[in-house]
Amino acid sequence: MTDSDLIYDGLANAPVAIILAHGAGKGMDSPFMQYFAESLAANDICVIRFEFAYMDRARQRGKRLPPDRMPVLLE
């Protein structure tokens, strides 16, 4: 994962930062994730959103895929 694979919301120097992962059904740029991240950022929280590899593959293939097993998700 590189910096270009992340979405940042809020100020980098905010007093609090949170890493926000998507669920199994929608990616990091879904309307819900965007709303949630922007709401946190509006409250002086830096939000860093990322996408698991299986979601990136699903996006590239244009179809929904099941999540990878836990050991792969933790890599």
PDB file of N, CA and C in Angstrom:
ATOM      1  N   MET A   1       0.854  -1.171   0.000  1.00  0.00           N
ATOM      2  CA  MET A   1       0.000   0.000   0.000  1.00  0.00           C
ATOM      3  C   MET A   1       0.900   1.234   0.000  1.00  0.00           C
ATOM      4  N   THR A   2       0.550   2.176  -0.830  1.00  0.00           N
ATOM      5  CA  THR A   2       1.298   3.424  -0.883  1.00  0.00           C
ATOM      6  C   THR A   2       0.405   4.571  -0.437  1.00  0.00           C
ATOM      7  N   ASP A   3       1.009   5.721  -0.268  1.00  0.00           N
ATOM      8  CA  ASP A   3       0.259   6.906   0.146  1.00  0.00           C
ATOM      9  C   ASP A   3      -0.860   7.237  -0.840  1.00  0.00           C
ATOM     10  N   SER A   4      -0.649   6.925  -2.118  1.00  0.00           N
ATOM     11  CA  SER A   4      -1.679   7.227  -3.114  1.00  0.00           C
ATOM     12  C   SER A   4      -2.876   6.281  -3.001  1.00  0.00           C
ATOM     13  N   ASP A   5      -2.740   5.202  -2.228  1.00  0.00           N
ATOM     14  CA  ASP A   5      -3.841   4.266  -2.005  1.00  0.00           C
ATOM     15  C   ASP A   5      -4.723   4.688  -0.837  1.00  0.00           C
ATOM     16  N   LEU A   6      -4.416   5.812  -0.220  1.00  0.00           N
ATOM     17  CA  LEU A   6      -5.123   6.290   0.962  1.00  0.00           C
ATOM     18  C   LEU A   6      -5.930   7.537   0.641  1.00  0.00           C
ATOM     19  N   ILE A   7      -6.966   7.773   1.425  1.00  0.00           N
ATOM     20  CA  ILE A   7      -7.723   9.022   1.352  1.00  0.00           C
ATOM     21  C   ILE A   7      -7.606   9.687   2.714  1.00  0.00           C
ATOM     22  N   TYR A   8      -7.192  10.947   2.705  1.00  0.00           N
ATOM     23  CA  TYR A   8      -7.045  11.720   3.940  1.00  0.00           C
ATOM     24  C   TYR A   8      -8.179  12.734   4.045  1.00  0.00           C
ATOM     25  N   ASP A   9      -8.762  12.820   5.230  1.00  0.00           N
ATOM     26  CA  ASP A   9      -9.776  13.830   5.524  1.00  0.00           C
ATOM     27  C   ASP A   9      -9.328  14.563   6.780  1.00  0.00           C
ATOM     28  N   GLY A  10      -9.469  15.878   6.781  1.00  0.00           N
ATOM     29  CA  GLY A  10      -9.071  16.669   7.943  1.00  0.00           C
ATOM     30  C   GLY A  10      -7.618  17.085   7.874  1.00  0.00           C
ATOM     31  N   LEU A  11      -7.190  17.769   8.911  1.00  0.00           N
ATOM     32  CA  LEU A  11      -5.832  18.291   8.973  1.00  0.00           C
ATOM     33  C   LEU A  11      -4.858  17.241   9.487  1.00  0.00           C
ATOM     34  N   ALA A  12      -3.687  17.173   8.875  1.00  0.00           N
ATOM     35  CA  ALA A  12      -2.674  16.210   9.295  1.00  0.00           C
ATOM     36  C   ALA A  12      -2.205  16.459  10.724  1.00  0.00           C
ATOM     37  N   ASN A  13      -2.285  17.705  11.172  1.00  0.00           N
ATOM     38  CA  ASN A  13      -1.816  18.024  12.525  1.00  0.00           C
ATOM     39  C   ASN A  13      -2.958  18.069  13.545  1.00  0.00           C
ATOM     40  N   ALA A  14      -4.088  17.439  13.235  1.00  0.00           N
ATOM     41  CA  ALA A  14      -5.211  17.385  14.175  1.00  0.00           C
ATOM     42  C   ALA A  14      -4.764  16.660  15.446  1.00  0.00           C
ATOM     43  N   PRO A  15      -5.361  16.991  16.588  1.00  0.00           N
ATOM     44  CA  PRO A  15      -4.941  16.368  17.850  1.00  0.00           C
ATOM     45  C   PRO A  15      -5.251  14.873  17.928  1.00  0.00           C
ATOM     46  N   VAL A  16      -6.169  14.408  17.095  1.00  0.00           N
ATOM     47  CA  VAL A  16      -6.557  12.993  17.091  1.00  0.00           C
ATOM     48  C   VAL A  16      -6.562  12.503  15.651  1.00  0.00           C
ATOM     49  N   ALA A  17      -6.100  11.275  15.453  1.00  0.00           N
ATOM     50  CA  ALA A  17      -6.151  10.653  14.124  1.00  0.00           C
ATOM     51  C   ALA A  17      -6.791   9.278  14.259  1.00  0.00           C
ATOM     52  N   ILE A  18      -7.508   8.885  13.229  1.00  0.00           N
ATOM     53  CA  ILE A  18      -8.156   7.575  13.211  1.00  0.00           C
ATOM     54  C   ILE A  18      -7.931   6.948  11.846  1.00  0.00           C
ATOM     55  N   ILE A  19      -7.696   5.636  11.833  1.00  0.00           N
ATOM     56  CA  ILE A  19      -7.589   4.885  10.588  1.00  0.00           C
ATOM     57  C   ILE A  19      -8.930   4.198  10.389  1.00  0.00           C
ATOM     58  N   LEU A  20      -9.543   4.436   9.241  1.00  0.00           N
ATOM     59  CA  LEU A  20     -10.904   3.971   8.989  1.00  0.00           C
ATOM     60  C   LEU A  20     -10.907   2.967   7.839  1.00  0.00           C
ATOM     61  N   ALA A  21     -11.349   1.744   8.132  1.00  0.00           N
ATOM     62  CA  ALA A  21     -11.432   0.694   7.117  1.00  0.00           C
ATOM     63  C   ALA A  21     -12.884   0.477   6.712  1.00  0.00           C
ATOM     64  N   HIS A  22     -13.092   0.113   5.478  1.00  0.00           N
ATOM     65  CA  HIS A  22     -14.431  -0.166   4.959  1.00  0.00           C
ATOM     66  C   HIS A  22     -14.935  -1.510   5.476  1.00  0.00           C
ATOM     67  N   GLY A  23     -16.205  -1.778   5.231  1.00  0.00           N
ATOM     68  CA  GLY A  23     -16.786  -3.080   5.546  1.00  0.00           C
ATOM     69  C   GLY A  23     -16.671  -4.008   4.352  1.00  0.00           C
ATOM     70  N   ALA A  24     -17.343  -5.142   4.414  1.00  0.00           N
ATOM     71  CA  ALA A  24     -17.230  -6.143   3.353  1.00  0.00           C
ATOM     72  C   ALA A  24     -17.989  -5.764   2.085  1.00  0.00           C
ATOM     73  N   GLY A  25     -18.944  -4.837   2.182  1.00  0.00           N
ATOM     74  CA  GLY A  25     -19.796  -4.562   1.036  1.00  0.00           C
ATOM     75  C   GLY A  25     -19.440  -3.358   0.197  1.00  0.00           C
ATOM     76  N   LYS A  26     -18.822  -2.367   0.778  1.00  0.00           N
ATOM     77  CA  LYS A  26     -18.536  -1.119   0.058  1.00  0.00           C
ATOM     78  C   LYS A  26     -17.102  -0.682   0.321  1.00  0.00           C
ATOM     79  N   GLY A  27     -16.542   0.070  -0.610  1.00  0.00           N
ATOM     80  CA  GLY A  27     -15.164   0.520  -0.507  1.00  0.00           C
ATOM     81  C   GLY A  27     -14.986   1.779   0.323  1.00  0.00           C
ATOM     82  N   MET A  28     -13.749   2.243   0.368  1.00  0.00           N
ATOM     83  CA  MET A  28     -13.389   3.393   1.202  1.00  0.00           C
ATOM     84  C   MET A  28     -13.993   4.698   0.708  1.00  0.00           C
ATOM     85  N   ASP A  29     -14.479   4.720  -0.532  1.00  0.00           N
ATOM     86  CA  ASP A  29     -15.049   5.951  -1.072  1.00  0.00           C
ATOM     87  C   ASP A  29     -16.575   5.892  -1.187  1.00  0.00           C
ATOM     88  N   SER A  30     -17.198   4.947  -0.489  1.00  0.00           N
ATOM     89  CA  SER A  30     -18.663   4.854  -0.511  1.00  0.00           C
ATOM     90  C   SER A  30     -19.260   6.109   0.122  1.00  0.00           C
ATOM     91  N   PRO A  31     -20.484   6.452  -0.220  1.00  0.00           N
ATOM     92  CA  PRO A  31     -21.107   7.644   0.369  1.00  0.00           C
ATOM     93  C   PRO A  31     -21.113   7.624   1.900  1.00  0.00           C
ATOM     94  N   PHE A  32     -21.368   6.461   2.499  1.00  0.00           N
ATOM     95  CA  PHE A  32     -21.363   6.383   3.960  1.00  0.00           C
ATOM     96  C   PHE A  32     -19.981   6.676   4.524  1.00  0.00           C
ATOM     97  N   MET A  33     -18.957   6.030   3.959  1.00  0.00           N
ATOM     98  CA  MET A  33     -17.589   6.243   4.454  1.00  0.00           C
ATOM     99  C   MET A  33     -17.178   7.702   4.272  1.00  0.00           C
ATOM    100  N   GLN A  34     -17.547   8.286   3.145  1.00  0.00           N
ATOM    101  CA  GLN A  34     -17.214   9.687   2.902  1.00  0.00           C
ATOM    102  C   GLN A  34     -17.901  10.582   3.930  1.00  0.00           C
ATOM    103  N   TYR A  35     -19.185  10.363   4.161  1.00  0.00           N
ATOM    104  CA  TYR A  35     -19.928  11.161   5.142  1.00  0.00           C
ATOM    105  C   TYR A  35     -19.326  11.007   6.538  1.00  0.00           C
ATOM    106  N   PHE A  36     -19.046   9.779   6.932  1.00  0.00           N
ATOM    107  CA  PHE A  36     -18.495   9.500   8.260  1.00  0.00           C
ATOM    108  C   PHE A  36     -17.131  10.168   8.427  1.00  0.00           C
ATOM    109  N   ALA A  37     -16.262  10.023   7.426  1.00  0.00           N
ATOM    110  CA  ALA A  37     -14.925  10.614   7.491  1.00  0.00           C
ATOM    111  C   ALA A  37     -14.992  12.137   7.517  1.00  0.00           C
ATOM    112  N   GLU A  38     -15.842  12.720   6.691  1.00  0.00           N
ATOM    113  CA  GLU A  38     -15.967  14.183   6.669  1.00  0.00           C
ATOM    114  C   GLU A  38     -16.558  14.707   7.977  1.00  0.00           C
ATOM    115  N   SER A  39     -17.470  13.954   8.576  1.00  0.00           N
ATOM    116  CA  SER A  39     -18.043  14.363   9.865  1.00  0.00           C
ATOM    117  C   SER A  39     -16.989  14.341  10.965  1.00  0.00           C
ATOM    118  N   LEU A  40     -16.156  13.320  10.966  1.00  0.00           N
ATOM    119  CA  LEU A  40     -15.067  13.272  11.946  1.00  0.00           C
ATOM    120  C   LEU A  40     -14.084  14.413  11.706  1.00  0.00           C
ATOM    121  N   ALA A  41     -13.734  14.640  10.451  1.00  0.00           N
ATOM    122  CA  ALA A  41     -12.786  15.706  10.118  1.00  0.00           C
ATOM    123  C   ALA A  41     -13.319  17.070  10.542  1.00  0.00           C
ATOM    124  N   ALA A  42     -14.622  17.266  10.449  1.00  0.00           N
ATOM    125  CA  ALA A  42     -15.230  18.536  10.864  1.00  0.00           C
ATOM    126  C   ALA A  42     -15.124  18.748  12.372  1.00  0.00           C
ATOM    127  N   ASN A  43     -14.824  17.677  13.095  1.00  0.00           N
ATOM    128  CA  ASN A  43     -14.657  17.749  14.543  1.00  0.00           C
ATOM    129  C   ASN A  43     -13.190  17.638  14.944  1.00  0.00           C
ATOM    130  N   ASP A  44     -12.305  18.099  14.069  1.00  0.00           N
ATOM    131  CA  ASP A  44     -10.866  18.178  14.331  1.00  0.00           C
ATOM    132  C   ASP A  44     -10.214  16.812  14.540  1.00  0.00           C
ATOM    133  N   ILE A  45     -10.649  15.843  13.743  1.00  0.00           N
ATOM    134  CA  ILE A  45     -10.057  14.507  13.765  1.00  0.00           C
ATOM    135  C   ILE A  45      -9.514  14.222  12.372  1.00  0.00           C
ATOM    136  N   CYS A  46      -8.259  13.835  12.296  1.00  0.00           N
ATOM    137  CA  CYS A  46      -7.659  13.442  11.023  1.00  0.00           C
ATOM    138  C   CYS A  46      -8.088  12.004  10.734  1.00  0.00           C
ATOM    139  N   VAL A  47      -8.645  11.775   9.553  1.00  0.00           N
ATOM    140  CA  VAL A  47      -9.115  10.444   9.170  1.00  0.00           C
ATOM    141  C   VAL A  47      -8.280   9.949   7.998  1.00  0.00           C
ATOM    142  N   ILE A  48      -7.794   8.723   8.124  1.00  0.00           N
ATOM    143  CA  ILE A  48      -7.033   8.084   7.054  1.00  0.00           C
ATOM    144  C   ILE A  48      -7.833   6.855   6.630  1.00  0.00           C
ATOM    145  N   ARG A  49      -8.326   6.876   5.392  1.00  0.00           N
ATOM    146  CA  ARG A  49      -9.107   5.753   4.876  1.00  0.00           C
ATOM    147  C   ARG A  49      -8.233   4.888   3.976  1.00  0.00           C
ATOM    148  N   PHE A  50      -8.437   3.576   4.063  1.00  0.00           N
ATOM    149  CA  PHE A  50      -7.708   2.656   3.191  1.00  0.00           C
ATOM    150  C   PHE A  50      -8.646   1.555   2.727  1.00  0.00           C
ATOM    151  N   GLU A  51      -8.166   0.800   1.758  1.00  0.00           N
ATOM    152  CA  GLU A  51      -8.957  -0.284   1.199  1.00  0.00           C
ATOM    153  C   GLU A  51      -8.156  -1.583   1.285  1.00  0.00           C
ATOM    154  N   PHE A  52      -8.802  -2.644   1.739  1.00  0.00           N
ATOM    155  CA  PHE A  52      -8.158  -3.952   1.746  1.00  0.00           C
ATOM    156  C   PHE A  52      -7.940  -4.414   0.305  1.00  0.00           C
ATOM    157  N   ALA A  53      -6.969  -5.313   0.114  1.00  0.00           N
ATOM    158  CA  ALA A  53      -6.599  -5.766  -1.232  1.00  0.00           C
ATOM    159  C   ALA A  53      -7.769  -6.417  -1.967  1.00  0.00           C
ATOM    160  N   TYR A  54      -8.602  -7.180  -1.260  1.00  0.00           N
ATOM    161  CA  TYR A  54      -9.722  -7.843  -1.937  1.00  0.00           C
ATOM    162  C   TYR A  54     -10.708  -6.828  -2.511  1.00  0.00           C
ATOM    163  N   MET A  55     -10.880  -5.700  -1.832  1.00  0.00           N
ATOM    164  CA  MET A  55     -11.802  -4.679  -2.331  1.00  0.00           C
ATOM    165  C   MET A  55     -11.207  -4.000  -3.566  1.00  0.00           C
ATOM    166  N   ASP A  56      -9.899  -3.817  -3.568  1.00  0.00           N
ATOM    167  CA  ASP A  56      -9.233  -3.253  -4.740  1.00  0.00           C
ATOM    168  C   ASP A  56      -9.383  -4.201  -5.933  1.00  0.00           C
ATOM    169  N   ARG A  57      -9.209  -5.499  -5.695  1.00  0.00           N
ATOM    170  CA  ARG A  57      -9.401  -6.488  -6.773  1.00  0.00           C
ATOM    171  C   ARG A  57     -10.845  -6.464  -7.279  1.00  0.00           C
ATOM    172  N   ALA A  58     -11.798  -6.382  -6.363  1.00  0.00           N
ATOM    173  CA  ALA A  58     -13.212  -6.344  -6.755  1.00  0.00           C
ATOM    174  C   ALA A  58     -13.496  -5.120  -7.616  1.00  0.00           C
ATOM    175  N   ARG A  59     -12.914  -4.002  -7.235  1.00  0.00           N
ATOM    176  CA  ARG A  59     -13.100  -2.761  -7.997  1.00  0.00           C
ATOM    177  C   ARG A  59     -12.543  -2.926  -9.416  1.00  0.00           C
ATOM    178  N   GLN A  60     -11.360  -3.537  -9.532  1.00  0.00           N
ATOM    179  CA  GLN A  60     -10.728  -3.731 -10.837  1.00  0.00           C
ATOM    180  C   GLN A  60     -11.516  -4.707 -11.714  1.00  0.00           C
ATOM    181  N   ARG A  61     -12.089  -5.732 -11.094  1.00  0.00           N
ATOM    182  CA  ARG A  61     -12.840  -6.748 -11.846  1.00  0.00           C
ATOM    183  C   ARG A  61     -14.294  -6.360 -12.079  1.00  0.00           C
ATOM    184  N   GLY A  62     -14.744  -5.339 -11.376  1.00  0.00           N
ATOM    185  CA  GLY A  62     -16.117  -4.890 -11.546  1.00  0.00           C
ATOM    186  C   GLY A  62     -17.158  -5.811 -10.944  1.00  0.00           C
ATOM    187  N   LYS A  63     -16.752  -6.606  -9.952  1.00  0.00           N
ATOM    188  CA  LYS A  63     -17.721  -7.475  -9.283  1.00  0.00           C
ATOM    189  C   LYS A  63     -17.333  -7.656  -7.820  1.00  0.00           C
ATOM    190  N   ARG A  64     -18.319  -7.972  -7.018  1.00  0.00           N
ATOM    191  CA  ARG A  64     -18.112  -8.139  -5.584  1.00  0.00           C
ATOM    192  C   ARG A  64     -17.369  -9.443  -5.302  1.00  0.00           C
ATOM    193  N   LEU A  65     -16.398  -9.386  -4.393  1.00  0.00           N
ATOM    194  CA  LEU A  65     -15.630 -10.562  -3.998  1.00  0.00           C
ATOM    195  C   LEU A  65     -15.698 -10.719  -2.485  1.00  0.00           C
ATOM    196  N   PRO A  66     -15.564 -11.960  -1.994  1.00  0.00           N
ATOM    197  CA  PRO A  66     -15.543 -12.139  -0.540  1.00  0.00           C
ATOM    198  C   PRO A  66     -14.223 -11.622   0.034  1.00  0.00           C
ATOM    199  N   PRO A  67     -14.228 -11.245   1.306  1.00  0.00           N
ATOM    200  CA  PRO A  67     -12.980 -10.794   1.937  1.00  0.00           C
ATOM    201  C   PRO A  67     -11.950 -11.918   1.987  1.00  0.00           C
ATOM    202  N   ASP A  68     -10.689 -11.537   1.988  1.00  0.00           N
ATOM    203  CA  ASP A  68      -9.617 -12.502   2.203  1.00  0.00           C
ATOM    204  C   ASP A  68      -9.714 -13.034   3.628  1.00  0.00           C
ATOM    205  N   ARG A  69      -9.025 -14.113   3.906  1.00  0.00           N
ATOM    206  CA  ARG A  69      -8.967 -14.658   5.264  1.00  0.00           C
ATOM    207  C   ARG A  69      -8.131 -13.729   6.149  1.00  0.00           C
ATOM    208  N   MET A  70      -8.345 -13.824   7.450  1.00  0.00           N
ATOM    209  CA  MET A  70      -7.742 -12.911   8.417  1.00  0.00           C
ATOM    210  C   MET A  70      -6.226 -12.745   8.262  1.00  0.00           C
ATOM    211  N   PRO A  71      -5.434 -13.824   8.105  1.00  0.00           N
ATOM    212  CA  PRO A  71      -3.984 -13.610   7.979  1.00  0.00           C
ATOM    213  C   PRO A  71      -3.611 -12.690   6.812  1.00  0.00           C
ATOM    214  N   VAL A  72      -4.340 -12.800   5.709  1.00  0.00           N
ATOM    215  CA  VAL A  72      -4.072 -11.948   4.547  1.00  0.00           C
ATOM    216  C   VAL A  72      -4.501 -10.515   4.841  1.00  0.00           C
ATOM    217  N   LEU A  73      -5.640 -10.342   5.505  1.00  0.00           N
ATOM    218  CA  LEU A  73      -6.110  -8.995   5.836  1.00  0.00           C
ATOM    219  C   LEU A  73      -5.121  -8.266   6.740  1.00  0.00           C
ATOM    220  N   LEU A  74      -4.429  -9.008   7.591  1.00  0.00           N
ATOM    221  CA  LEU A  74      -3.504  -8.391   8.542  1.00  0.00           C
ATOM    222  C   LEU A  74      -2.138  -8.082   7.949  1.00  0.00           C
ATOM    223  N   GLU A  75      -1.861  -8.532   6.735  1.00  0.00           N
ATOM    224  CA  GLU A  75      -0.554  -8.254   6.112  1.00  0.00           C
ATOM    225  C   GLU A  75      -0.394  -6.790   5.798  1.00  0.00           C
TER     226      GLU A  75
END
